[in-house]
Protein backbone atom coordinates (compact mmCIF):
# COMPACT_ATOMS: atom_id res chain seq x y z
CA MET A 1 0.00 0.00 0.00
CA ASP A 2 1.71 3.21 -1.14
CA ASN A 3 -0.86 5.82 -0.12
CA LEU A 4 -3.68 6.50 2.31
CA GLU A 5 -6.55 6.25 -0.17
CA LEU A 6 -8.56 4.34 2.38
CA GLY A 7 -12.11 4.43 3.65
CA VAL A 8 -13.10 3.74 7.23
CA ILE A 9 -16.13 1.85 8.44
CA GLY A 10 -17.04 1.14 12.04
CA ASN A 11 -19.63 1.27 14.78
CA CYS A 12 -17.83 2.76 17.84
CA ALA A 13 -16.69 -0.68 18.96
CA ILE A 14 -14.49 -1.72 16.04
CA ALA A 15 -13.34 -0.11 12.80
CA ALA A 16 -11.71 -1.18 9.53
CA LEU A 17 -9.78 0.54 6.74
CA ILE A 18 -10.66 -0.49 3.19
CA ASP A 19 -8.68 0.26 0.04
CA PRO A 20 -10.17 1.34 -3.33
CA ASP A 21 -10.35 -2.30 -4.50
CA ALA A 22 -12.49 -3.34 -1.51
CA THR A 23 -9.71 -5.03 0.47
CA ILE A 24 -9.79 -4.62 4.24
CA ARG A 25 -6.17 -3.78 5.07
CA TRP A 26 -6.48 -2.79 8.71
CA CYS A 27 -8.82 -3.91 11.46
CA CYS A 28 -8.20 -4.41 15.16
CA PHE A 29 -10.36 -6.93 16.98
CA PRO A 30 -12.40 -7.11 19.15
CA ARG A 31 -12.06 -3.37 19.82
CA LEU A 32 -10.28 -0.29 18.48
CA ASP A 33 -6.99 -0.99 20.28
CA GLY A 34 -7.03 -4.76 19.83
CA ASP A 35 -4.90 -7.19 17.85
CA PRO A 36 -4.85 -6.11 14.16
CA VAL A 37 -6.21 -9.30 12.63
CA PHE A 38 -6.00 -7.52 9.28
CA CYS A 39 -2.61 -5.84 9.26
CA ALA A 40 -1.51 -5.73 5.60
CA LEU A 41 -1.40 -1.92 5.79
CA LEU A 42 1.68 -2.26 8.00
CA ASN A 43 3.34 -5.15 6.19
CA GLY A 44 4.49 -3.53 2.97
CA SER A 45 7.79 -3.04 1.22
CA ALA A 46 9.81 0.02 0.35
CA ASP A 47 9.17 -0.46 -3.38
CA ASP A 48 5.53 -1.58 -2.95
CA ALA A 49 6.47 -4.91 -4.55
CA VAL A 50 4.43 -7.15 -2.26
CA ASP A 51 3.34 -10.36 -3.98
CA ARG A 52 -0.45 -10.25 -3.92
CA GLU A 53 -0.64 -14.06 -4.02
CA THR A 54 1.34 -14.43 -0.80
CA GLU A 55 0.29 -11.23 0.98
CA THR A 56 -1.41 -11.84 4.33
CA GLY A 57 -3.32 -9.88 6.93
CA LEU A 58 -6.18 -8.89 4.64
CA PHE A 59 -9.78 -9.59 3.66
CA GLY A 60 -10.00 -9.07 -0.09
CA LEU A 61 -12.67 -9.44 -2.75
CA GLU A 62 -10.85 -9.86 -6.04
CA LEU A 63 -12.62 -9.48 -9.37
CA ARG A 64 -11.00 -11.45 -12.19
CA ASN A 65 -9.64 -9.19 -14.94
CA GLN A 66 -10.61 -6.04 -13.07
CA VAL A 67 -9.98 -2.86 -15.03
CA ARG A 68 -11.20 -0.15 -12.65
CA ALA A 69 -12.94 0.58 -9.38
CA GLU A 70 -15.13 3.32 -7.93
CA GLN A 71 -15.71 4.02 -4.27
CA ALA A 72 -17.96 6.32 -2.26
CA TYR A 73 -19.84 6.48 1.00
CA LEU A 74 -23.59 6.19 0.89
CA PRO A 75 -24.57 9.80 1.63
CA ASN A 76 -24.63 10.77 5.31
CA THR A 77 -23.51 7.34 6.55
CA ALA A 78 -20.49 5.28 7.54
CA ILE A 79 -21.46 2.71 4.89
CA LEU A 80 -18.95 2.29 2.08
CA GLN A 81 -19.84 1.26 -1.47
CA THR A 82 -17.21 -0.08 -3.86
CA THR A 83 -17.98 -0.89 -7.48
CA LEU A 84 -15.58 -3.10 -9.46
CA TYR A 85 -15.52 -3.44 -13.27
CA ASP A 86 -13.95 -6.22 -15.34
CA ASP A 87 -12.78 -6.20 -18.96
CA ALA A 88 -15.86 -8.07 -20.20
CA GLY A 89 -18.43 -5.61 -18.91
CA GLY A 90 -19.02 -7.37 -15.59
CA VAL A 91 -19.83 -5.13 -12.63
CA VAL A 92 -19.89 -5.96 -8.92
CA GLU A 93 -21.17 -3.75 -6.10
CA ILE A 94 -19.84 -4.26 -2.57
CA ILE A 95 -21.43 -2.68 0.49
CA ASP A 96 -19.30 -2.64 3.65
CA PHE A 97 -20.52 -1.58 7.09
CA ALA A 98 -20.50 -2.37 10.80
CA PRO A 99 -24.00 -2.71 12.31
CA ARG A 100 -25.03 0.16 14.54
CA PHE A 101 -28.52 1.20 15.60
CA GLU A 102 -30.74 1.67 18.63
CA GLN A 103 -32.44 -1.44 19.94
CA TYR A 104 -34.19 -2.01 23.27
CA GLU A 105 -33.31 1.56 24.31
CA ARG A 106 -29.57 1.02 23.86
CA VAL A 107 -27.15 1.07 20.95
CA TYR A 108 -26.49 -2.26 19.24
CA ARG A 109 -22.85 -2.23 18.10
CA PRO A 110 -21.46 -5.77 17.96
CA PRO A 111 -17.85 -6.48 16.96
CA MET A 112 -18.98 -7.41 13.46
CA PHE A 113 -18.47 -6.36 9.84
CA ILE A 114 -20.83 -7.14 6.99
CA ARG A 115 -20.01 -7.32 3.29
CA ARG A 116 -22.98 -7.44 0.89
CA ILE A 117 -21.96 -8.32 -2.66
CA ARG A 118 -24.24 -7.92 -5.66
CA PRO A 119 -23.71 -8.60 -9.37
CA VAL A 120 -24.83 -5.49 -11.24
CA GLN A 121 -24.02 -6.48 -14.81
CA GLY A 122 -22.75 -9.56 -16.65
CA ARG A 123 -21.46 -12.64 -14.85
CA PRO A 124 -18.42 -11.38 -12.98
CA ARG A 125 -16.04 -13.90 -11.42
CA LEU A 126 -14.93 -13.18 -7.89
CA ARG A 127 -12.67 -14.75 -5.33
CA VAL A 128 -12.45 -14.14 -1.60
CA ARG A 129 -9.04 -13.73 0.00
CA MET A 130 -9.66 -14.19 3.71
CA ARG A 131 -6.24 -14.13 5.38
CA PRO A 132 -6.32 -12.94 8.98
CA ARG A 133 -3.25 -13.02 11.21
CA PHE A 134 -2.93 -12.97 14.97
CA ASN A 135 -0.56 -11.40 17.50
CA TYR A 136 0.51 -8.53 15.24
CA GLY A 137 1.15 -10.67 12.18
CA GLU A 138 3.00 -13.46 13.96
CA PHE A 139 0.54 -16.36 13.64
CA ALA A 140 -1.69 -17.73 10.92
CA PRO A 141 -4.97 -18.99 12.37
CA GLU A 142 -6.18 -22.53 12.65
CA THR A 143 -9.47 -23.07 10.84
CA THR A 144 -12.54 -25.23 11.25
CA GLN A 145 -15.65 -25.11 9.10
CA GLY A 146 -19.35 -25.76 9.23
CA SER A 147 -21.98 -25.76 6.52
CA ASN A 148 -22.11 -21.95 6.33
CA HIS A 149 -19.24 -20.72 8.43
CA ILE A 150 -15.49 -20.78 8.93
CA ARG A 151 -13.83 -20.27 12.31
CA TYR A 152 -10.37 -18.65 12.43
CA MET A 153 -8.76 -19.44 15.77
CA SER A 154 -5.80 -18.46 17.90
CA SER A 155 -5.05 -19.12 21.55
CA SER A 156 -6.56 -15.74 22.48
CA GLN A 157 -9.59 -15.26 20.24
CA THR A 158 -11.75 -16.71 17.47
CA LEU A 159 -13.30 -15.04 14.44
CA ARG A 160 -16.31 -16.52 12.70
CA LEU A 161 -17.13 -15.85 9.05
CA THR A 162 -20.72 -16.69 8.21
CA THR A 163 -21.73 -16.60 4.55
CA ASP A 164 -23.95 -17.97 1.81
CA ILE A 165 -20.92 -18.24 -0.50
CA PRO A 166 -19.73 -21.88 -0.86
CA ILE A 167 -17.29 -22.39 2.02
CA SER A 168 -14.84 -24.40 -0.08
CA TYR A 169 -14.45 -21.54 -2.55
CA ILE A 170 -13.36 -19.28 0.30
CA LEU A 171 -10.97 -21.80 1.87
CA GLU A 172 -9.38 -22.60 -1.49
CA GLU A 173 -9.56 -18.99 -2.74
CA GLN A 174 -11.19 -20.11 -5.98
CA HIS A 175 -12.89 -17.74 -8.41
CA PHE A 176 -16.62 -18.31 -8.80
CA GLY A 177 -19.32 -16.83 -10.97
CA LEU A 178 -21.39 -14.30 -9.05
CA GLU A 179 -24.95 -15.00 -10.15
CA ARG A 180 -26.93 -13.61 -7.20
CA PRO A 181 -26.39 -11.35 -4.20
CA VAL A 182 -24.32 -12.89 -1.40
CA SER A 183 -23.32 -11.75 2.06
CA MET A 184 -20.49 -12.22 4.53
CA LEU A 185 -20.64 -11.56 8.28
CA LEU A 186 -17.36 -11.49 10.20
CA GLY A 187 -17.30 -11.19 13.95
CA SER A 188 -17.11 -13.03 17.23
CA ASP A 189 -17.70 -16.75 17.43
CA GLU A 190 -21.47 -16.55 17.54
CA SER A 191 -23.88 -18.33 15.23
CA ILE A 192 -26.52 -16.54 13.14
CA GLN A 193 -30.00 -17.73 14.04
CA SER A 194 -31.80 -16.60 10.86
CA ASP A 195 -31.19 -16.67 7.13
CA ILE A 196 -28.04 -14.86 6.06
CA GLU A 197 -29.49 -12.68 3.31
CA GLY A 198 -32.42 -11.55 5.43
CA THR A 199 -30.20 -10.87 8.43
CA THR A 200 -27.71 -8.74 6.52
CA ARG A 201 -30.49 -6.86 4.72
CA ASP A 202 -32.16 -6.01 8.03
CA LEU A 203 -28.89 -4.93 9.64
CA PHE A 204 -28.09 -2.79 6.59
CA GLU A 205 -31.44 -1.02 6.56
CA ARG A 206 -31.37 -0.33 10.29
CA THR A 207 -27.76 0.92 10.17
CA LEU A 208 -28.59 3.14 7.20
CA ALA A 209 -31.54 4.66 9.07
CA HIS A 210 -29.43 5.15 12.20
CA TRP A 211 -26.78 7.21 10.43
CA HIS A 212 -29.39 9.26 8.60
CA ASP A 213 -31.06 10.08 11.93
CA TRP A 214 -27.71 10.92 13.52
CA ILE A 215 -26.81 13.32 10.73
CA ARG A 216 -30.21 15.02 10.92
CA SER A 217 -29.45 15.86 14.55
CA LEU A 218 -26.29 17.84 13.66
CA SER A 219 -26.10 21.62 13.61
CA ILE A 220 -23.92 22.01 10.55
CA PRO A 221 -22.69 25.20 8.86
CA PHE A 222 -24.30 26.42 5.65
CA GLU A 223 -21.16 25.96 3.57
CA TRP A 224 -18.99 22.84 3.16
CA GLN A 225 -21.70 20.58 4.50
CA ASP A 226 -20.42 17.37 2.88
CA ALA A 227 -16.93 17.93 4.29
CA VAL A 228 -18.22 18.65 7.80
CA ILE A 229 -20.60 15.68 7.79
CA ARG A 230 -17.84 13.31 6.74
CA ALA A 231 -15.53 14.73 9.39
CA ALA A 232 -18.22 14.38 12.07
CA ILE A 233 -18.91 10.74 11.18
CA THR A 234 -15.20 10.01 11.20
CA LEU A 235 -14.78 11.53 14.66
CA LYS A 236 -17.69 9.46 15.90
CA LEU A 237 -16.07 6.28 14.57
CA CYS A 238 -13.01 7.09 16.72
CA ASN A 239 -15.19 7.08 19.84
CA TYR A 240 -15.04 3.85 21.83
CA GLU A 241 -18.57 4.28 23.03
CA GLU A 242 -18.60 1.63 25.73
CA THR A 243 -16.32 3.71 27.98
CA GLY A 244 -16.56 7.13 26.29
CA ALA A 245 -12.89 7.21 25.24
CA ILE A 246 -11.87 8.88 21.98
CA VAL A 247 -8.78 7.54 20.22
CA ALA A 248 -6.41 9.91 18.43
CA ALA A 249 -6.45 7.70 15.32
CA LEU A 250 -7.38 4.17 14.33
CA THR A 251 -3.85 3.08 13.39
CA THR A 252 -0.38 2.68 14.74
CA SER A 253 2.99 3.37 13.14
CA ILE A 254 2.14 5.10 9.90
CA PRO A 255 5.20 7.38 9.84
CA GLU A 256 4.95 11.16 9.92
CA ALA A 257 7.28 11.33 6.93
CA SER A 258 9.09 8.99 4.59
CA GLY A 259 12.39 7.62 5.81
CA THR A 260 11.95 8.52 9.48
CA ARG A 261 11.38 6.56 12.68
CA ARG A 262 8.54 8.89 13.70
CA ASN A 263 6.19 5.90 13.98
CA TRP A 264 3.77 6.04 16.89
CA ASP A 265 0.76 4.13 18.19
CA TYR A 266 -2.26 6.46 18.29
CA ARG A 267 -5.00 3.97 19.28
CA TYR A 268 -5.35 5.59 22.70
CA CYS A 269 -7.13 8.53 24.28
CA TRP A 270 -5.03 11.68 24.60
CA LEU A 271 -6.70 14.08 27.03
CA ARG A 272 -5.62 17.04 24.90
CA ASP A 273 -6.84 15.64 21.58
CA ALA A 274 -10.08 14.37 23.07
CA TYR A 275 -10.94 17.80 24.48
CA PHE A 276 -10.67 19.31 21.02
CA VAL A 277 -12.80 16.48 19.59
CA ILE A 278 -15.67 16.83 22.01
CA HIS A 279 -15.50 20.63 21.76
CA ALA A 280 -15.91 20.38 17.98
CA LEU A 281 -18.69 17.80 18.24
CA ASN A 282 -20.47 19.96 20.81
CA ARG A 283 -20.50 22.79 18.25
CA LEU A 284 -22.35 20.36 15.99
CA GLY A 285 -24.78 19.32 18.72
CA VAL A 286 -23.40 15.83 19.41
CA THR A 287 -24.15 15.85 23.11
CA LYS A 288 -24.25 12.10 23.85
CA THR A 289 -20.64 11.66 22.81
CA MET A 290 -19.69 14.53 25.09
CA GLU A 291 -21.55 12.93 27.98
CA GLY A 292 -19.75 9.66 27.40
CA TYR A 293 -16.37 11.38 27.41
CA LEU A 294 -17.21 13.38 30.54
CA SER A 295 -17.96 10.09 32.27
CA PHE A 296 -14.63 8.71 31.02
CA ILE A 297 -12.58 11.59 32.43
CA ALA A 298 -14.60 11.66 35.67
CA ASN A 299 -13.53 8.07 36.21
CA ILE A 300 -9.93 9.06 35.45
CA ALA A 301 -10.16 11.83 38.03
CA ASP A 302 -11.53 9.32 40.53
CA ASP A 303 -8.58 7.02 39.80
CA THR A 304 -6.04 9.82 40.38
CA LYS A 305 -4.45 9.51 43.80
CA ASP A 306 -1.82 12.25 43.81
CA GLY A 307 -3.44 14.70 41.39
CA ARG A 308 -1.12 13.68 38.55
CA LEU A 309 -2.71 12.99 35.20
CA HIS A 310 -1.14 11.02 32.39
CA PRO A 311 -1.20 12.60 28.91
CA LEU A 312 -2.99 9.56 27.46
CA TYR A 313 -4.93 6.54 28.61
CA GLY A 314 -6.04 3.27 27.13
CA ILE A 315 -9.66 3.10 26.07
CA LEU A 316 -10.39 1.23 29.30
CA ARG A 317 -8.41 3.89 31.27
CA SER A 318 -5.27 1.75 31.39
CA THR A 319 -1.98 3.50 32.14
CA ASP A 320 0.10 0.43 31.32
CA LEU A 321 0.99 1.46 27.78
CA GLY A 322 4.67 0.56 27.64
CA GLU A 323 6.11 0.79 24.14
CA ARG A 324 7.37 -2.27 22.25
CA GLU A 325 7.90 -3.23 18.61
CA ALA A 326 6.01 -5.79 16.51
CA SER A 327 8.86 -7.67 14.84
CA HIS A 328 6.66 -9.62 12.42
CA LEU A 329 5.39 -6.52 10.58
CA SER A 330 7.68 -4.60 8.23
CA GLY A 331 5.77 -1.33 8.50
CA TYR A 332 3.87 1.01 6.21
CA ARG A 333 5.70 0.93 2.87
CA GLY A 334 8.27 -1.20 4.69
CA GLN A 335 9.13 1.72 6.96
CA GLY A 336 9.17 0.28 10.45
CA PRO A 337 9.22 -0.06 13.29
CA VAL A 338 5.63 -0.98 14.07
CA ARG A 339 5.02 0.08 17.65
CA ILE A 340 2.56 -1.20 20.23
CA GLY A 341 1.93 1.16 23.13
CA ASN A 342 3.20 4.70 23.50
CA ALA A 343 5.96 5.85 25.83
CA ALA A 344 4.39 9.32 25.97
CA HIS A 345 1.95 7.99 28.57
CA ASN A 346 4.62 8.48 31.23
CA GLN A 347 5.72 11.91 30.07
CA THR A 348 5.08 15.06 32.06
CA GLN A 349 2.70 17.24 30.05
CA HIS A 350 1.17 19.99 32.14
CA ASP A 351 -1.53 20.94 29.63
CA VAL A 352 -3.53 17.87 30.69
CA TYR A 353 -5.03 19.71 33.68
CA GLY A 354 -6.48 22.37 31.43
CA SER A 355 -7.67 19.72 28.96
CA VAL A 356 -9.74 17.92 31.58
CA ILE A 357 -11.17 21.09 33.13
CA LEU A 358 -11.98 22.66 29.75
CA ALA A 359 -13.86 19.53 28.72
CA SER A 360 -15.67 19.28 32.06
CA THR A 361 -16.77 22.93 31.97
CA HIS A 362 -19.50 22.05 29.48
CA ALA A 363 -21.31 19.99 32.12
CA PHE A 364 -21.86 23.08 34.28
CA PHE A 365 -23.28 25.28 31.53
CA ASP A 366 -24.88 23.16 28.78
CA GLN A 367 -28.55 22.67 29.63
CA ARG A 368 -28.94 19.98 26.97
CA LEU A 369 -26.78 17.50 28.87
CA ALA A 370 -28.45 14.81 30.93
CA TRP A 371 -25.05 14.22 32.55
CA LYS A 372 -24.81 17.13 34.99
CA ASN A 373 -21.85 18.06 37.12
CA THR A 374 -22.25 18.84 40.80
CA LEU A 375 -20.52 20.64 43.65
CA GLU A 376 -18.68 17.41 44.35
CA GLY A 377 -17.58 17.32 40.71
CA PHE A 378 -16.40 20.93 40.95
CA GLU A 379 -14.34 20.12 44.03
CA ARG A 380 -12.75 17.22 42.17
CA LEU A 381 -11.80 19.63 39.39
CA GLU A 382 -10.44 22.09 41.94
CA SER A 383 -7.85 19.50 42.99
CA LEU A 384 -6.67 19.38 39.37
CA GLY A 385 -6.69 23.18 39.24
CA ARG A 386 -4.46 23.40 42.30
CA LYS A 387 -2.04 21.05 40.57
CA ALA A 388 -2.10 23.31 37.50
CA VAL A 389 -1.18 26.35 39.62
CA ILE A 390 1.80 24.48 41.05
CA VAL A 391 3.21 23.22 37.74
CA PHE A 392 2.35 26.00 35.27
CA ASP A 393 5.92 27.36 35.26
CA HIS A 394 7.65 23.98 35.48
CA ALA A 395 9.38 22.27 32.57
CA ASP A 396 7.56 19.50 30.70
CA ALA A 397 7.67 17.58 27.40
CA GLY A 398 5.20 20.03 25.87
CA PRO A 399 2.32 19.46 23.45
CA TRP A 400 4.61 17.90 20.85
CA GLU A 401 5.82 15.27 23.32
CA LEU A 402 9.56 15.82 23.03
CA ARG A 403 11.30 12.74 24.38
CA THR A 404 14.63 14.17 25.51
CA LYS A 405 13.97 17.87 26.04
CA ALA A 406 12.07 19.53 28.88
CA GLU A 407 11.29 23.25 28.96
CA VAL A 408 8.55 25.53 30.25
CA HIS A 409 6.22 25.44 27.25
CA THR A 410 3.90 28.37 26.67
CA PHE A 411 1.02 26.16 25.54
CA SER A 412 1.22 24.05 28.70
CA SER A 413 1.26 27.20 30.84
CA VAL A 414 -1.68 28.71 28.96
CA MET A 415 -3.67 25.51 29.47
CA CYS A 416 -2.92 25.72 33.20
CA TRP A 417 -4.19 29.32 33.10
CA ALA A 418 -7.31 28.07 31.28
CA ALA A 419 -7.89 25.58 34.09
CA CYS A 420 -7.98 28.41 36.64
CA ASP A 421 -10.03 30.70 34.37
CA ARG A 422 -12.72 28.05 33.79
CA LEU A 423 -12.84 27.13 37.45
CA ALA A 424 -13.60 30.79 38.21
CA ARG A 425 -16.41 30.73 35.63
CA ILE A 426 -17.82 27.49 37.07
CA ALA A 427 -17.71 28.92 40.59
CA ARG A 428 -19.66 31.94 39.35
CA GLN A 429 -22.23 29.61 37.74
CA LEU A 430 -22.55 27.67 41.02
CA GLN A 431 -22.88 30.95 42.94
CA LEU A 432 -19.73 30.43 44.98
CA PRO A 433 -18.35 34.01 45.06
CA ASP A 434 -15.40 33.35 47.38
CA ARG A 435 -14.12 30.49 45.25
CA MET A 436 -14.80 32.46 42.10
CA ARG A 437 -12.59 35.32 43.33
CA ARG A 438 -9.89 32.90 44.48
CA TRP A 439 -9.67 31.18 41.10
CA GLN A 440 -9.85 34.47 39.24
CA ARG A 441 -6.89 35.81 41.23
CA ARG A 442 -4.92 32.70 40.37
CA ALA A 443 -5.85 33.00 36.70
CA ASP A 444 -4.83 36.68 36.66
CA ARG A 445 -1.46 35.88 38.23
CA LEU A 446 -0.73 33.08 35.73
CA HIS A 447 -1.81 35.31 32.85
CA ALA A 448 0.58 38.06 33.91
CA VAL A 449 3.53 35.69 34.31
CA ILE A 450 2.92 34.07 30.93
CA CYS A 451 2.67 37.44 29.19
CA GLU A 452 5.93 38.52 30.81
CA ARG A 453 7.92 35.32 30.20
CA SER A 454 6.53 34.17 26.82
CA TRP A 455 6.32 37.49 24.99
CA ASN A 456 9.40 38.28 22.90
CA ALA A 457 9.37 41.99 22.03
CA GLY A 458 12.23 41.60 19.58
CA LEU A 459 10.19 39.14 17.52
CA ASN A 460 6.89 40.96 18.21
CA SER A 461 5.48 37.55 19.01
CA PHE A 462 4.76 35.09 21.74
CA VAL A 463 7.26 32.25 21.70
CA SER A 464 7.15 28.53 22.43
CA THR A 465 8.89 28.56 25.79
CA PHE A 466 9.47 30.96 28.67
CA ASP A 467 12.27 33.41 27.80
CA GLY A 468 12.77 31.67 24.45
CA ASP A 469 13.03 32.75 20.83
CA GLN A 470 11.45 29.83 18.94
CA LEU A 471 7.90 29.48 17.57
CA ASP A 472 5.41 26.65 17.40
CA ALA A 473 1.89 26.44 16.02
CA THR A 474 0.09 26.07 19.37
CA LEU A 475 0.59 29.83 19.83
CA LEU A 476 -2.18 30.23 17.26
CA LEU A 477 -4.60 28.97 19.92
CA LEU A 478 -4.15 31.94 22.26
CA HIS A 479 -7.36 33.46 20.91
CA GLU A 480 -9.29 30.17 20.67
CA LEU A 481 -8.55 29.53 24.36
CA ASP A 482 -9.67 33.08 25.29
CA PHE A 483 -6.19 33.99 26.52
CA LEU A 484 -6.11 37.02 24.17
CA PRO A 485 -8.73 38.79 22.05
CA GLY A 486 -8.29 38.52 18.31
CA ASP A 487 -7.51 42.24 17.93
CA ASP A 488 -4.79 42.25 20.60
CA PRO A 489 -1.64 43.56 18.85
CA ARG A 490 0.39 40.81 20.49
CA PHE A 491 -1.81 38.12 18.96
CA VAL A 492 -1.77 39.86 15.58
CA GLY A 493 2.02 40.01 15.75
CA THR A 494 2.21 36.33 16.69
CA VAL A 495 0.05 35.29 13.75
CA ASP A 496 2.19 37.34 11.38
CA ARG A 497 5.40 35.89 12.73
CA ILE A 498 4.14 32.30 12.55
CA GLY A 499 2.99 32.83 8.97
CA THR A 500 6.50 33.98 8.11
CA HIS A 501 8.45 31.29 9.93
CA LEU A 502 6.31 28.14 9.98
CA LYS A 503 4.42 28.33 6.69
CA ARG A 504 5.80 26.38 3.73
CA GLY A 505 3.79 27.22 0.66
CA ASP A 506 0.18 26.80 1.75
CA PHE A 507 0.91 24.48 4.68
CA LEU A 508 2.02 24.98 8.23
CA PHE A 509 4.66 23.11 10.21
CA ARG A 510 4.15 22.64 13.94
CA TYR A 511 7.75 23.85 14.43
CA THR A 512 10.89 23.95 12.32
CA THR A 513 13.61 23.44 14.91
CA ALA A 514 15.33 20.08 15.34
CA ASP A 515 13.81 17.66 17.85
CA ASP A 516 14.72 14.17 19.06
CA PHE A 517 14.52 12.80 15.51
CA GLY A 518 15.90 15.74 13.52
CA THR A 519 14.08 18.50 11.65
CA PRO A 520 10.44 17.80 10.68
CA ASP A 521 9.84 17.10 7.00
CA THR A 522 6.05 17.30 6.80
CA ALA A 523 3.38 19.82 7.65
CA PHE A 524 1.05 19.04 10.56
CA VAL A 525 -2.49 19.12 9.20
CA ILE A 526 -4.31 20.64 12.16
CA CYS A 527 -1.78 23.47 12.34
CA GLY A 528 -2.98 24.61 8.93
CA PHE A 529 -6.52 24.81 10.28
CA TRP A 530 -5.33 26.65 13.40
CA TYR A 531 -3.70 29.20 11.14
CA ILE A 532 -6.93 29.58 9.16
CA ASP A 533 -8.88 30.18 12.38
CA ALA A 534 -6.30 32.71 13.56
CA LEU A 535 -6.56 34.58 10.25
CA VAL A 536 -10.31 34.87 10.78
CA ALA A 537 -9.74 36.13 14.33
CA VAL A 538 -7.36 38.91 13.19
CA GLY A 539 -9.65 40.04 10.36
CA ARG A 540 -8.22 38.28 7.27
CA PRO A 541 -11.18 36.07 6.26
CA GLU A 542 -10.62 36.02 2.49
CA GLU A 543 -7.08 34.75 2.92
CA ALA A 544 -8.44 32.19 5.36
CA ARG A 545 -11.11 30.99 2.91
CA ALA A 546 -8.55 30.46 0.16
CA LEU A 547 -6.31 28.43 2.45
CA PHE A 548 -9.28 26.40 3.68
CA GLU A 549 -10.14 25.36 0.12
CA THR A 550 -6.51 24.33 -0.36
CA MET A 551 -6.64 22.19 2.78
CA LEU A 552 -9.88 20.55 1.65
CA ALA A 553 -8.24 19.62 -1.63
CA ARG A 554 -5.65 17.58 0.29
CA ARG A 555 -8.21 15.15 1.68
CA ASN A 556 -8.19 11.70 0.17
CA GLY A 557 -10.87 10.70 -2.32
CA LEU A 558 -13.33 9.87 0.48
CA GLY A 559 -12.86 13.15 2.35
CA LEU A 560 -10.50 11.89 5.08
CA LEU A 561 -7.26 13.29 6.47
CA SER A 562 -4.25 11.81 8.22
CA GLU A 563 -1.96 13.60 10.66
CA ASP A 564 0.65 15.04 8.29
CA LEU A 565 1.16 15.95 4.65
CA ASP A 566 4.10 16.52 2.38
CA PRO A 567 4.18 20.26 1.51
CA GLU A 568 5.81 19.51 -1.84
CA ASN A 569 3.36 16.98 -3.30
CA GLY A 570 0.46 17.06 -0.82
CA GLN A 571 0.77 13.34 -0.03
CA LEU A 572 -0.75 12.25 3.27
CA TRP A 573 1.43 10.76 6.01
CA GLY A 574 0.91 9.86 9.65
CA ASN A 575 -1.74 7.89 11.49
CA PHE A 576 -5.14 7.69 9.88
CA PRO A 577 -7.79 8.96 10.09
CA GLN A 578 -6.49 11.59 12.49
CA THR A 579 -9.11 13.06 14.82
CA TYR A 580 -7.10 16.26 15.28
CA SER A 581 -7.20 16.90 11.53
CA MET A 582 -10.93 16.27 11.20
CA VAL A 583 -11.54 18.55 14.22
CA GLY A 584 -9.59 21.31 12.48
CA LEU A 585 -11.73 20.97 9.37
CA ILE A 586 -14.96 21.27 11.36
CA ASN A 587 -13.80 24.27 13.39
CA SER A 588 -12.54 26.18 10.36
CA ALA A 589 -15.75 25.52 8.44
CA MET A 590 -17.77 26.81 11.39
CA HIS A 591 -15.62 29.95 11.63
CA LEU A 592 -15.71 30.68 7.90
CA SER A 593 -19.17 29.68 6.73
CA ARG A 594 -21.80 32.23 5.90
CA LYS A 595 -24.66 32.21 8.38
CA TRP A 596 -27.79 30.36 7.37
CA GLU A 597 -29.81 33.54 7.83
CA ALA A 598 -27.61 35.45 5.37
CA ALA A 599 -27.42 32.70 2.78
CA PHE A 600 -30.77 33.21 1.08
């Protein structure tokens, strides 16, 4: 696989990435951070010369003598349609989805994928390549079969494929003439109690209706509706709904740039990233996801004994995320290592206190939420706020998670200020005037120190670290976080300086100084959106609109974005799909779009 032209399907329990030829190349089971039973995405070669006959870790549907393929989502859904054409006029339509709908007053979201295959024209000949692997590519499964199913087994789990395709054709990977619609259900080792075609049709129709209803509930901007809807669905698919966690991406170890070892596992919940996700979804009216995440971080706060928060957690709140390498996978385009776990979980990142408090603030003000915060909840947040006051001027790894450098990062300090500022606002809402004044005094003191230590008059800009002279893109968030008004000359100067020093063509780097792995080679997608939002804030909307259209053009063919892109050729790099990037798209569209009232 030499690019990220992939679609994602899922149901907030599991997810899969599918290439333009309808091959599932990535899927973790039985949940978003599980064993990648389909791992071909991370088992490539540097010259993309993988032998398709021997390639493993995939679930392919191969049309004999295929000449082209088309792929699109069914509108306003997470259901993917792929159409394959052969050289004799044969046409096959493949519908891929994960069941998701409300049933018995709860959401039905089993660890299951469904593939519905229909001959559209001619008598196309198809073969199924079902080649799962276990333990990160190490083991091929044992198989047993029944009359309509195949079980793929390891010592730790079993997958069951149920189908009305002849079982022997699948086991032998033989081509067969597709004369009627057929279906395939892949999931846990549970039998299907009704006919296969009727079951998959019912699950399809109910899943289709569910996504249509979900989209109708969104408050979307007037312009760029398709882009925002696709971004919103993608963010939802990165939500592990059972616990409320939101993963940063669905993959591990897709490198940030070619030829680097910047390969990280993003299948975990970063407190910083998740705050931005739920803030964007709240702007769209997705309140249930916010409630789930608020419950997730409330449990984290309950778990915290000494007031210290980790930067990231497993989707079940695990903090045991030690980093190791999967030796049986060669990596994306052969560019390993493939990592499991993320050493950043033990880093010191002081912005986490602001991230949790900013997210929790919604529960004290948003009347739509059934999940309400209380005085007890406020007091729990106050303990995090007191920690923020202590550490705001202490060195940490910063928002970019530097592994060998610790400094007092402006963004971390501003997030600690935001923690105090929001606690003052919550205290006012709860009619606690003494506490409101106490937190406001703390916020004012932190604000003054940050302005003194992070403002560089010679550069006419805020800088990345206290008393420093370098820039990074998080400074563009000073207005978004309410630290400075958009017309403050210091913010205007900062935006100008960042545009001069971090912009490469139409794209923005997060920083340009050397880090633990050298100088960055690719632009960081969300930084481009932050720059667009900052341009709007300082009164340059036309420039912002032009850049926004440029960023939209860098999405893949299905409207998705990864973490990074090459500023020279626009190629996507980094883990995929990246929640940060999709958040940036939504926020910029909301800032830029004409109002509905002014559109007619």
